[in-house]
Protein backbone atom coordinates (compact mmCIF):
# COMPACT_ATOMS: atom_id res chain seq x y z
CA MET A 1 -1.77 0.13 34.99
CA GLY A 2 1.60 -1.42 35.39
CA ILE A 3 3.32 -4.05 33.53
CA PRO A 4 0.73 -6.33 32.04
CA ALA A 5 0.16 -9.62 33.66
CA GLY A 6 2.85 -12.32 32.74
CA GLN A 7 5.30 -9.64 31.44
CA ALA A 8 6.98 -9.48 34.64
CA GLY A 9 7.68 -13.21 34.26
CA GLN A 10 8.80 -12.66 30.74
CA THR A 11 11.51 -10.09 31.83
CA THR A 12 13.00 -12.44 34.16
CA THR A 13 13.13 -15.16 31.53
CA CYS A 14 14.51 -12.85 29.02
CA VAL A 15 17.45 -11.79 31.19
CA VAL A 16 18.04 -15.28 32.04
CA LEU A 17 17.94 -16.30 28.55
CA SER A 18 20.14 -13.64 27.18
CA ARG A 19 22.91 -14.09 29.69
CA ARG A 20 23.01 -17.99 29.67
CA SER A 21 22.33 -18.82 25.92
CA LEU A 22 24.40 -15.98 23.99
CA SER A 23 27.60 -17.79 24.52
CA ALA A 24 26.03 -20.97 23.58
CA ILE A 25 24.50 -19.55 20.46
CA ARG A 26 27.93 -18.27 19.52
CA HIS A 27 29.46 -21.56 19.92
CA GLY A 28 26.72 -22.93 17.71
CA VAL A 29 27.47 -20.55 14.94
CA VAL A 30 31.31 -21.35 15.33
CA VAL A 31 30.53 -25.02 15.18
CA GLY A 32 28.17 -24.87 12.37
CA ILE A 33 30.63 -22.90 10.22
CA ALA A 34 33.43 -25.01 10.88
CA GLY A 35 31.53 -28.29 10.72
CA GLY A 36 29.91 -27.15 7.39
CA LEU A 37 33.43 -26.03 5.85
CA LEU A 38 34.94 -29.46 6.73
CA LEU A 39 31.93 -31.59 5.85
CA ARG A 40 31.84 -29.65 2.33
CA LEU A 41 35.32 -30.99 1.66
CA ALA A 42 33.94 -34.58 2.00
CA GLU A 43 31.42 -33.53 -0.98
CA PRO A 44 28.37 -35.25 1.10
CA THR A 45 25.36 -36.39 -1.05
CA ALA A 46 22.02 -34.64 -0.86
CA GLU A 47 20.62 -37.34 1.73
CA GLN A 48 23.41 -36.64 3.83
CA ILE A 49 23.05 -33.11 4.10
CA ASP A 50 19.51 -33.45 4.70
CA LEU A 51 20.19 -35.61 7.70
CA LEU A 52 22.81 -33.05 8.75
CA GLY A 53 20.16 -30.32 8.83
CA PHE A 54 17.53 -32.32 10.39
CA ALA A 55 17.95 -30.94 13.92
CA GLY A 56 17.49 -27.65 12.61
CA GLU A 57 14.73 -28.56 10.65
CA LEU A 58 12.75 -29.73 14.01
CA MET A 59 13.69 -26.33 15.56
CA LEU A 60 12.29 -24.33 12.66
CA ARG A 61 9.19 -26.63 12.74
CA LEU A 62 8.81 -26.07 16.43
CA LEU A 63 8.95 -22.20 15.72
CA LYS A 64 6.22 -22.23 13.08
CA MET A 65 4.12 -24.40 15.33
CA LEU A 66 4.30 -21.28 17.75
CA VAL A 67 3.61 -18.58 15.26
CA LEU A 68 -0.15 -18.51 15.49
CA PRO A 69 -0.50 -18.58 19.30
CA LEU A 70 2.13 -16.08 19.54
CA VAL A 71 0.58 -13.64 17.30
CA ALA A 72 -3.04 -14.11 18.37
CA GLY A 73 -2.12 -13.81 22.17
CA SER A 74 0.00 -10.75 21.69
CA MET A 75 -2.79 -9.06 19.67
CA VAL A 76 -5.55 -9.95 22.09
CA ALA A 77 -3.48 -8.92 25.20
CA GLY A 78 -2.46 -5.56 23.52
CA VAL A 79 -6.02 -4.42 22.48
CA CYS A 80 -7.15 -5.37 26.11
CA ALA A 81 -4.24 -3.01 27.39
CA LEU A 82 -6.67 -0.16 26.37
CA ARG A 83 -9.43 -1.37 28.68
CA GLY A 84 -10.82 1.10 31.31
CA SER A 85 -9.79 4.16 29.54
CA THR A 86 -11.22 7.50 30.67
CA SER A 87 -12.52 10.26 28.29
CA SER A 88 -9.11 11.92 28.63
CA MET A 89 -7.13 8.73 28.47
CA ALA A 90 -9.01 8.01 25.13
CA ARG A 91 -7.19 10.90 23.56
CA VAL A 92 -3.91 9.50 24.84
CA ALA A 93 -4.94 6.12 23.33
CA ARG A 94 -5.61 7.91 19.97
CA TYR A 95 -2.28 9.58 20.02
CA THR A 96 -0.45 6.47 20.98
CA LEU A 97 -1.78 4.19 18.29
CA LEU A 98 -1.49 6.90 15.60
CA TYR A 99 2.31 7.26 16.57
CA TYR A 100 3.02 3.60 16.76
CA ALA A 101 1.18 2.98 13.37
CA ALA A 102 3.17 5.82 11.56
CA SER A 103 6.52 5.10 12.90
CA THR A 104 6.23 1.34 12.15
CA ALA A 105 4.84 2.29 8.62
CA VAL A 106 7.97 4.57 8.10
CA ALA A 107 10.35 2.09 9.44
CA VAL A 108 9.05 -0.54 7.01
CA ALA A 109 9.05 1.82 4.09
CA LEU A 110 12.57 2.93 4.77
CA GLY A 111 13.64 -0.67 5.01
CA ILE A 112 12.05 -1.61 1.60
CA VAL A 113 13.63 1.37 -0.02
CA LEU A 114 17.16 0.63 1.14
CA VAL A 115 17.13 -3.08 0.39
CA ASN A 116 15.82 -2.24 -3.18
CA VAL A 117 18.29 0.29 -3.65
CA ILE A 118 21.46 -1.56 -2.17
CA ASP A 119 20.04 -4.70 -3.41
CA PRO A 120 22.47 -6.91 -1.25
CA GLY A 121 21.10 -10.16 -2.73
CA ARG A 122 22.84 -9.51 -5.85
CA SER A 123 26.39 -10.44 -4.34
CA GLY A 124 25.58 -14.09 -4.15
CA SER A 125 23.08 -16.76 -3.41
CA LEU A 126 22.46 -18.36 0.06
CA SER A 127 21.66 -21.70 -1.57
CA SER A 128 22.32 -23.83 -4.66
CA ASP A 129 18.73 -25.05 -4.81
CA ALA A 130 18.11 -23.22 -8.15
CA ALA A 131 15.10 -25.41 -8.93
CA ALA A 132 13.45 -24.27 -5.75
CA ALA A 133 13.93 -20.67 -6.73
CA GLN A 134 12.80 -21.09 -10.07
CA SER A 135 9.57 -22.83 -8.94
CA VAL A 136 8.72 -19.72 -7.17
CA ALA A 137 6.80 -17.45 -10.01
CA PRO A 138 7.49 -13.73 -9.71
CA ASN A 139 4.37 -11.71 -8.45
CA GLU A 140 3.13 -10.00 -11.49
CA SER A 141 -0.38 -9.00 -10.22
CA SER A 142 -1.03 -5.26 -10.21
CA PRO A 143 -0.96 -3.11 -6.93
CA LEU A 144 -4.68 -3.09 -6.90
CA GLN A 145 -4.93 -6.82 -7.22
CA ALA A 146 -2.32 -7.45 -4.74
CA LEU A 147 -4.28 -4.98 -2.31
CA LEU A 148 -7.43 -6.97 -2.92
CA VAL A 149 -5.84 -10.23 -2.11
CA VAL A 150 -4.46 -8.82 1.03
CA ALA A 151 -7.67 -7.51 1.85
CA ARG A 152 -9.52 -10.86 1.40
CA SER A 153 -6.79 -12.58 3.37
CA ALA A 154 -7.57 -9.91 6.36
CA VAL A 155 -11.03 -10.90 6.39
CA PRO A 156 -11.50 -14.52 6.21
CA ASP A 157 -14.91 -16.17 6.08
CA ASN A 158 -13.73 -19.19 8.27
CA VAL A 159 -11.28 -18.36 11.16
CA VAL A 160 -10.54 -22.24 11.46
CA ALA A 161 -9.56 -22.46 7.94
CA ALA A 162 -7.50 -19.33 8.18
CA ALA A 163 -5.52 -21.11 10.90
CA VAL A 164 -5.12 -24.41 9.09
CA ASN A 165 -3.90 -22.47 5.94
CA MET A 166 -1.57 -20.23 8.07
CA ASN A 167 -3.36 -17.09 7.11
CA ILE A 168 -1.70 -15.03 9.55
CA LEU A 169 -3.58 -11.88 8.39
CA GLY A 170 -6.97 -13.23 8.80
CA ILE A 171 -5.93 -14.52 12.39
CA ILE A 172 -4.58 -11.03 13.38
CA THR A 173 -7.96 -9.57 12.30
CA PHE A 174 -9.76 -12.06 14.23
CA SER A 175 -7.68 -11.33 17.29
CA LEU A 176 -7.91 -7.54 17.13
CA PHE A 177 -11.92 -7.94 16.94
CA PHE A 178 -12.12 -10.44 19.54
CA GLY A 179 -9.70 -8.20 21.81
CA LEU A 180 -11.84 -4.89 21.17
CA CYS A 181 -15.15 -6.68 22.03
CA LEU A 182 -13.57 -8.29 24.95
CA SER A 183 -12.32 -5.06 26.34
CA GLN A 184 -15.62 -3.67 26.28
CA LEU A 185 -17.46 -6.27 28.34
CA GLY A 186 -16.73 -4.70 31.58
CA GLU A 187 -16.03 -6.86 34.85
CA GLN A 188 -17.49 -9.98 33.08
CA ALA A 189 -14.48 -10.18 30.93
CA ASP A 190 -11.95 -10.04 33.82
CA GLY A 191 -11.54 -13.68 34.13
CA LEU A 192 -11.03 -14.23 30.44
CA ILE A 193 -8.58 -11.39 30.00
CA SER A 194 -6.65 -13.06 33.01
CA LEU A 195 -6.63 -16.15 31.16
CA VAL A 196 -5.39 -14.35 27.79
CA ASN A 197 -2.44 -13.06 29.82
CA ALA A 198 -1.73 -16.27 31.18
CA PHE A 199 -1.97 -17.97 27.84
CA ASN A 200 0.63 -15.08 26.59
CA ALA A 201 2.85 -16.01 29.33
CA VAL A 202 2.71 -19.59 28.62
CA ILE A 203 3.60 -19.02 24.86
CA SER A 204 6.42 -16.73 25.51
CA ARG A 205 7.78 -19.51 27.88
CA MET A 206 7.52 -22.08 25.09
CA VAL A 207 9.23 -19.92 22.53
CA SER A 208 12.04 -19.33 25.01
CA ALA A 209 12.17 -23.04 25.62
CA VAL A 210 12.55 -23.61 21.83
CA LEU A 211 15.47 -20.89 21.62
CA TRP A 212 17.18 -22.71 24.45
CA THR A 213 17.65 -25.50 21.72
CA SER A 214 18.83 -22.93 19.18
CA PRO A 215 22.48 -23.55 19.51
CA LEU A 216 22.23 -27.20 18.22
CA GLY A 217 19.53 -26.12 15.64
CA ILE A 218 21.66 -23.15 14.37
CA ALA A 219 24.90 -25.30 14.07
CA SER A 220 22.91 -27.99 12.10
CA LEU A 221 21.09 -25.55 9.78
CA ILE A 222 24.39 -23.53 9.32
CA ALA A 223 26.44 -26.83 8.41
CA ALA A 224 23.75 -27.73 5.96
CA ALA A 225 23.49 -24.41 4.40
CA ILE A 226 27.27 -24.33 3.76
CA CYS A 227 27.46 -27.56 2.39
CA ARG A 228 24.43 -26.76 -0.17
CA ALA A 229 25.87 -23.19 -1.06
CA CYS A 230 27.11 -23.06 -4.57
CA SER A 231 29.45 -20.16 -3.71
CA LEU A 232 30.72 -19.47 -0.18
CA MET A 233 32.51 -16.18 -1.19
CA GLY A 234 29.30 -15.17 -2.66
CA THR A 235 27.24 -16.17 0.33
CA LEU A 236 29.75 -14.02 2.62
CA GLY A 237 29.42 -11.11 0.19
CA ALA A 238 25.55 -11.22 0.32
CA LEU A 239 25.63 -11.39 4.04
CA ALA A 240 27.88 -8.49 4.45
CA ALA A 241 25.85 -6.40 2.17
CA TRP A 242 22.45 -7.49 3.96
CA LEU A 243 24.19 -6.54 7.27
CA ALA A 244 25.30 -3.08 6.16
CA THR A 245 21.66 -2.58 4.61
CA VAL A 246 19.84 -3.37 7.97
CA LEU A 247 22.45 -1.42 10.17
CA SER A 248 22.16 1.49 7.71
CA GLY A 249 18.32 1.50 8.09
CA LEU A 250 18.38 1.30 11.74
CA ALA A 251 20.70 4.06 11.90
CA LEU A 252 18.94 6.39 9.73
CA PHE A 253 15.73 5.76 11.54
CA GLY A 254 16.87 5.89 14.94
CA ALA A 255 19.30 8.82 14.49
CA LEU A 256 17.57 11.02 11.82
CA ILE A 257 13.84 9.88 11.19
CA LEU A 258 12.69 9.60 14.91
CA PRO A 259 14.54 12.62 16.19
CA GLY A 260 13.58 14.73 13.12
CA ALA A 261 9.89 13.88 13.52
CA PHE A 262 9.94 14.45 17.38
CA TRP A 263 11.54 17.97 16.91
CA ALA A 264 9.03 19.01 14.24
CA LEU A 265 6.04 17.96 16.40
CA SER A 266 7.24 19.17 19.95
CA ARG A 267 10.01 21.73 19.19
CA LYS A 268 12.06 19.95 21.89
CA ARG A 269 15.61 18.93 21.66
CA PRO A 270 15.78 15.20 20.80
CA THR A 271 19.16 14.67 22.48
CA SER A 272 17.50 15.17 25.81
CA VAL A 273 15.38 12.25 25.12
CA VAL A 274 18.27 10.12 24.20
CA ALA A 275 20.34 11.19 27.34
CA GLY A 276 17.37 10.92 29.61
CA PHE A 277 16.73 7.26 28.50
CA SER A 278 20.40 6.19 28.18
CA ARG A 279 20.02 3.84 31.07
CA ALA A 280 17.22 1.82 29.50
CA LEU A 281 18.77 2.23 26.03
CA VAL A 282 22.00 0.42 27.27
CA LEU A 283 20.02 -2.23 29.02
CA ALA A 284 17.87 -2.93 26.06
CA PHE A 285 20.95 -3.31 23.95
CA GLY A 286 22.75 -5.62 26.43
CA THR A 287 19.67 -7.83 27.22
CA SER A 288 18.07 -7.88 23.59
CA SER A 289 14.67 -7.49 25.36
CA SER A 290 12.36 -4.53 25.36
CA SER A 291 10.59 -6.05 28.43
CA ALA A 292 13.81 -6.28 30.43
CA ALA A 293 14.31 -2.60 29.89
CA LEU A 294 10.77 -1.72 30.70
CA PRO A 295 11.07 -0.91 34.12
CA VAL A 296 13.98 1.40 33.82
CA ALA A 297 12.57 3.00 30.80
CA MET A 298 9.39 3.96 32.76
CA ASP A 299 11.58 5.36 35.52
CA CYS A 300 13.45 7.51 32.93
CA ALA A 301 10.24 8.86 31.44
CA LYS A 302 8.92 9.84 34.90
CA GLU A 303 12.37 11.59 35.81
CA MET A 304 11.87 13.38 32.47
CA GLY A 305 8.66 14.97 33.76
CA CYS A 306 6.33 12.73 31.96
CA GLU A 307 2.75 12.44 33.68
CA GLU A 308 2.97 9.10 35.45
CA SER A 309 -0.50 7.90 34.15
CA ILE A 310 0.66 8.49 30.62
CA VAL A 311 3.84 6.56 31.31
CA ARG A 312 2.13 3.65 32.80
CA PHE A 313 -0.16 3.42 29.65
CA VAL A 314 2.20 4.19 26.75
CA MET A 315 5.18 2.31 27.84
CA PRO A 316 3.84 -1.05 28.34
CA LEU A 317 1.71 -1.05 25.32
CA GLY A 318 4.61 0.17 23.37
CA THR A 319 6.80 -2.80 24.55
CA THR A 320 3.97 -4.97 23.20
CA VAL A 321 3.16 -3.44 19.77
CA ASN A 322 5.70 -0.70 18.83
CA MET A 323 8.45 -2.72 17.00
CA ASN A 324 9.90 -0.23 14.66
CA GLY A 325 13.31 -1.69 14.52
CA THR A 326 11.77 -5.22 14.05
CA ALA A 327 9.54 -4.30 11.33
CA LEU A 328 12.16 -2.62 9.26
CA TYR A 329 14.54 -5.71 9.84
CA GLU A 330 11.80 -8.33 8.73
CA ALA A 331 10.83 -6.43 5.60
CA THR A 332 14.54 -5.95 4.76
CA THR A 333 15.27 -9.59 5.37
CA VAL A 334 12.64 -10.96 3.44
CA ILE A 335 13.13 -9.16 0.43
CA PHE A 336 16.92 -10.01 0.69
CA LEU A 337 16.25 -13.54 0.68
CA ALA A 338 13.87 -13.12 -2.23
CA GLN A 339 16.82 -11.27 -4.18
CA ALA A 340 19.42 -14.01 -2.90
CA HIS A 341 17.34 -16.62 -4.56
CA GLY A 342 16.33 -14.73 -7.68
CA VAL A 343 12.84 -14.55 -6.91
CA ALA A 344 11.30 -11.27 -8.29
CA LEU A 345 8.48 -10.14 -5.75
CA GLY A 346 7.29 -7.28 -7.92
CA LEU A 347 5.23 -4.40 -6.61
CA GLY A 348 2.36 -6.46 -5.37
CA GLY A 349 4.65 -8.74 -3.56
CA THR A 350 6.57 -5.97 -2.18
CA ILE A 351 3.29 -4.45 -0.77
CA VAL A 352 2.37 -7.76 0.78
CA VAL A 353 5.68 -7.96 2.52
CA ALA A 354 5.33 -4.39 3.96
CA VAL A 355 1.79 -4.90 5.19
CA THR A 356 2.66 -8.44 6.68
CA ALA A 357 5.95 -7.33 8.13
CA THR A 358 4.05 -4.35 9.76
CA LEU A 359 1.60 -6.69 11.40
CA ALA A 360 4.40 -9.25 12.26
CA ALA A 361 6.33 -6.62 14.12
CA ILE A 362 3.35 -5.85 16.09
CA GLY A 363 2.59 -9.38 16.75
CA ALA A 364 6.22 -10.18 17.91
CA ALA A 365 6.72 -10.55 21.63
CA ALA A 366 9.32 -8.58 23.45
CA ILE A 367 11.80 -11.47 23.91
CA PRO A 368 15.11 -12.02 22.42
CA SER A 369 14.96 -13.01 18.70
CA ALA A 370 11.07 -12.91 18.55
CA GLY A 371 11.21 -11.20 15.39
CA LEU A 372 12.96 -14.33 13.93
CA VAL A 373 9.79 -16.25 14.65
CA THR A 374 7.48 -13.90 13.29
CA MET A 375 9.57 -13.46 10.13
CA LEU A 376 8.39 -16.88 9.16
CA MET A 377 4.88 -15.51 8.67
CA VAL A 378 6.19 -12.93 6.27
CA LEU A 379 7.87 -15.70 4.39
CA GLN A 380 4.91 -17.51 4.20
CA ALA A 381 2.68 -14.57 2.94
CA VAL A 382 4.76 -14.40 -0.10
CA SER A 383 5.28 -18.09 -0.72
CA LEU A 384 9.01 -17.96 0.45
CA ASP A 385 8.70 -20.11 3.29
CA ARG A 386 10.57 -23.02 1.24
CA PHE A 387 13.73 -20.87 2.10
CA ALA A 388 13.07 -20.74 5.84
CA ALA A 389 16.15 -22.90 6.25
CA ASP A 390 18.24 -19.80 5.34
CA LEU A 391 17.29 -18.14 8.49
CA ALA A 392 20.16 -20.29 10.06
CA VAL A 393 22.55 -18.19 8.25
CA ILE A 394 20.74 -14.98 9.27
CA LEU A 395 20.88 -16.46 12.97
CA ALA A 396 24.82 -16.17 12.58
CA LEU A 397 24.49 -12.50 12.71
CA ASP A 398 21.19 -12.05 14.51
CA TRP A 399 22.85 -11.78 17.94
CA LEU A 400 24.16 -8.22 16.90
CA LEU A 401 21.14 -7.24 15.05
CA ASP A 402 18.93 -8.35 17.62
CA ARG A 403 20.55 -5.88 19.98
CA CYS A 404 20.56 -2.95 17.60
CA ARG A 405 16.96 -3.44 16.61
CA THR A 406 15.81 -3.68 20.15
CA ALA A 407 17.64 -0.38 21.06
CA VAL A 408 15.79 1.00 18.06
CA ASN A 409 12.54 -0.31 19.46
CA LEU A 410 12.93 1.24 22.74
CA LEU A 411 14.14 4.48 21.25
CA GLY A 412 10.83 4.60 19.49
CA ASP A 413 9.01 4.18 22.68
CA ALA A 414 10.92 6.75 24.38
CA PHE A 415 10.19 9.45 21.77
CA GLY A 416 6.78 8.37 21.74
CA VAL A 417 6.03 8.73 25.49
CA VAL A 418 7.70 12.06 25.74
CA LEU A 419 5.84 13.45 22.58
CA ILE A 420 2.29 12.03 23.63
CA ASP A 421 2.86 13.81 27.07
CA HIS A 422 3.89 16.95 25.38
CA LEU A 423 0.63 16.86 23.04
CA THR A 424 -1.73 16.02 25.73
CA ARG A 425 -0.46 18.61 28.16
CA HIS A 426 -0.74 21.12 25.20
CA GLN A 427 -4.29 20.18 24.32
CA ASN A 428 -5.20 20.33 28.16
CA ALA A 429 -3.54 23.56 28.79
CA PRO A 430 -5.88 26.53 29.72
CA GLY A 431 -5.90 29.75 27.66
CA ASP A 432 -2.56 31.21 29.17
CA GLY A 433 -0.71 28.31 27.48
CA HIS A 434 0.49 26.69 30.69
CA SER A 435 0.06 22.76 31.14
CA GLN A 436 -1.79 21.73 34.13
CA PRO A 437 -1.56 18.52 36.19
CA TYR A 438 -3.40 15.48 34.77
CA SER A 439 -4.86 13.68 37.95
CA GLN A 440 -8.01 12.93 35.69
CA LEU A 441 -5.90 10.80 33.59
CA GLU A 442 -5.05 8.20 36.29
CA LEU A 443 -5.92 4.68 35.30
CA THR A 444 -7.59 2.14 37.25
C-alpha cells in the first residue's frame, strides 16, 4: 500500500503552493496592516469598513463552502485505507488507531489547559463589536448535558438535515460508518473507492485554489479588523500572548510528551527517532505539508529498520488522520477567540471544543493551512462563527505556526511508526525474545 490515490498529486500542488504563495501571503499581511492603519486615521464608517472587508468575507465563505466535502472525503478515504488488512495487520491497525486517538486527545487537552492557564485573551480584544460578543450566551450547561448534546449531534436522524444545519459531528459519524461498510464490500467497492479518492483530490485542489486568493482576502480582512479594533495595542498584546501559548504547547508536546511516552513504551532513545527523521522534519517545516514530506518520512522509517509493510500502512494513514499539532492549535485558538471577545464557554463548551477540535484535526487535509479551514467547524460548534473574520488576524501569524504544527504532526507519525513496529515485533517474537521478519504483514 503506497501513497493513497490522489495524494501524490496533492504533494506536488502543496509544494508549488508553498513556494509561490508564501511571499504573496506575507505581502498581503503587510498591505493589510499598513492599509488598515492608514484607513483607521480617516475614521471610516461601519459601511465603508464592511466594504473594505468584503473580499475577505468572500474568501471565508468559499472556505466554509468546502468544509463539509473536505471533512467527509478525508474521513471516508482514511477508513478505506484500512481495507484489505490481514489478521496480523489488524493488530497493527488497532495499535495505529489507538496511538493516533490517544496522542491527538493528549494534544488537545494540553492546548486547553495552557490557554486557560495563560488566558491570552485577557490582554485585549480583537474587535470592538461588543454587541456581538454579548449576544453569545455563555454555555452554562452541565458536563453531562454537554456530552448528551454532543452525542445527539454525532448521531443525526437525517444526514441531509445535518449537512444543511452544518452539523459536522453528524457528517463525520456518517462518513466513518459509510467508509467502514464500503471497505468491507470487497472488489465490488473498488470503483466507488477510486471515486472517493478522486473526489478527495478534487476538493484538495479546490482548497488550494481558494488559498491562492488568500493574499487579497487576508489583506482585506486584516485591514477591516484593524479599523474595527478598539485597541490596537491590546490586539497586539493578545496576539503575542496567543502566539506564546501555541508555541509553548507545541514545544511541550513535541519535546516532552511524545518522547516521554515513546521511551516509556519502548525503552528506546527518542533522540534516535528525531535524528533518523531529521530530513523529513526539515522538509515538513519548509513546505508546511505532511504530504510533501511523506515520501522522505517513509524512507527514513525504512532506514531505521522498521518493517516496510508497517511503514507503508502507518505513515500514509498518519498523514491523513494524525494531526496532533493541528488539534492543539485549533482548540487553543478557538478558546483564545472566545476569551478575546469576552465569551465564557464554560465546562460544557470546553468539552465541545475538545471533541470537535479532535475530529476537525482528523478531517484536516495534509495541505498548507488546512487547519484554518477546519477551524471554522470548531467555531460553528460553539456558536462563535460570527467571529470568523478574526481568523484574518490569526492568518498574519499562521505562516509560522503552520510550519511548527506540521513538524509536530510529522514527529507524531515518526514516533508512532517506530513504536508500532516495536510493539508488533515484540508480540510476534518467539519464546527466546528475538523478533522475526514479518512477511505475513505484506499488504495487497
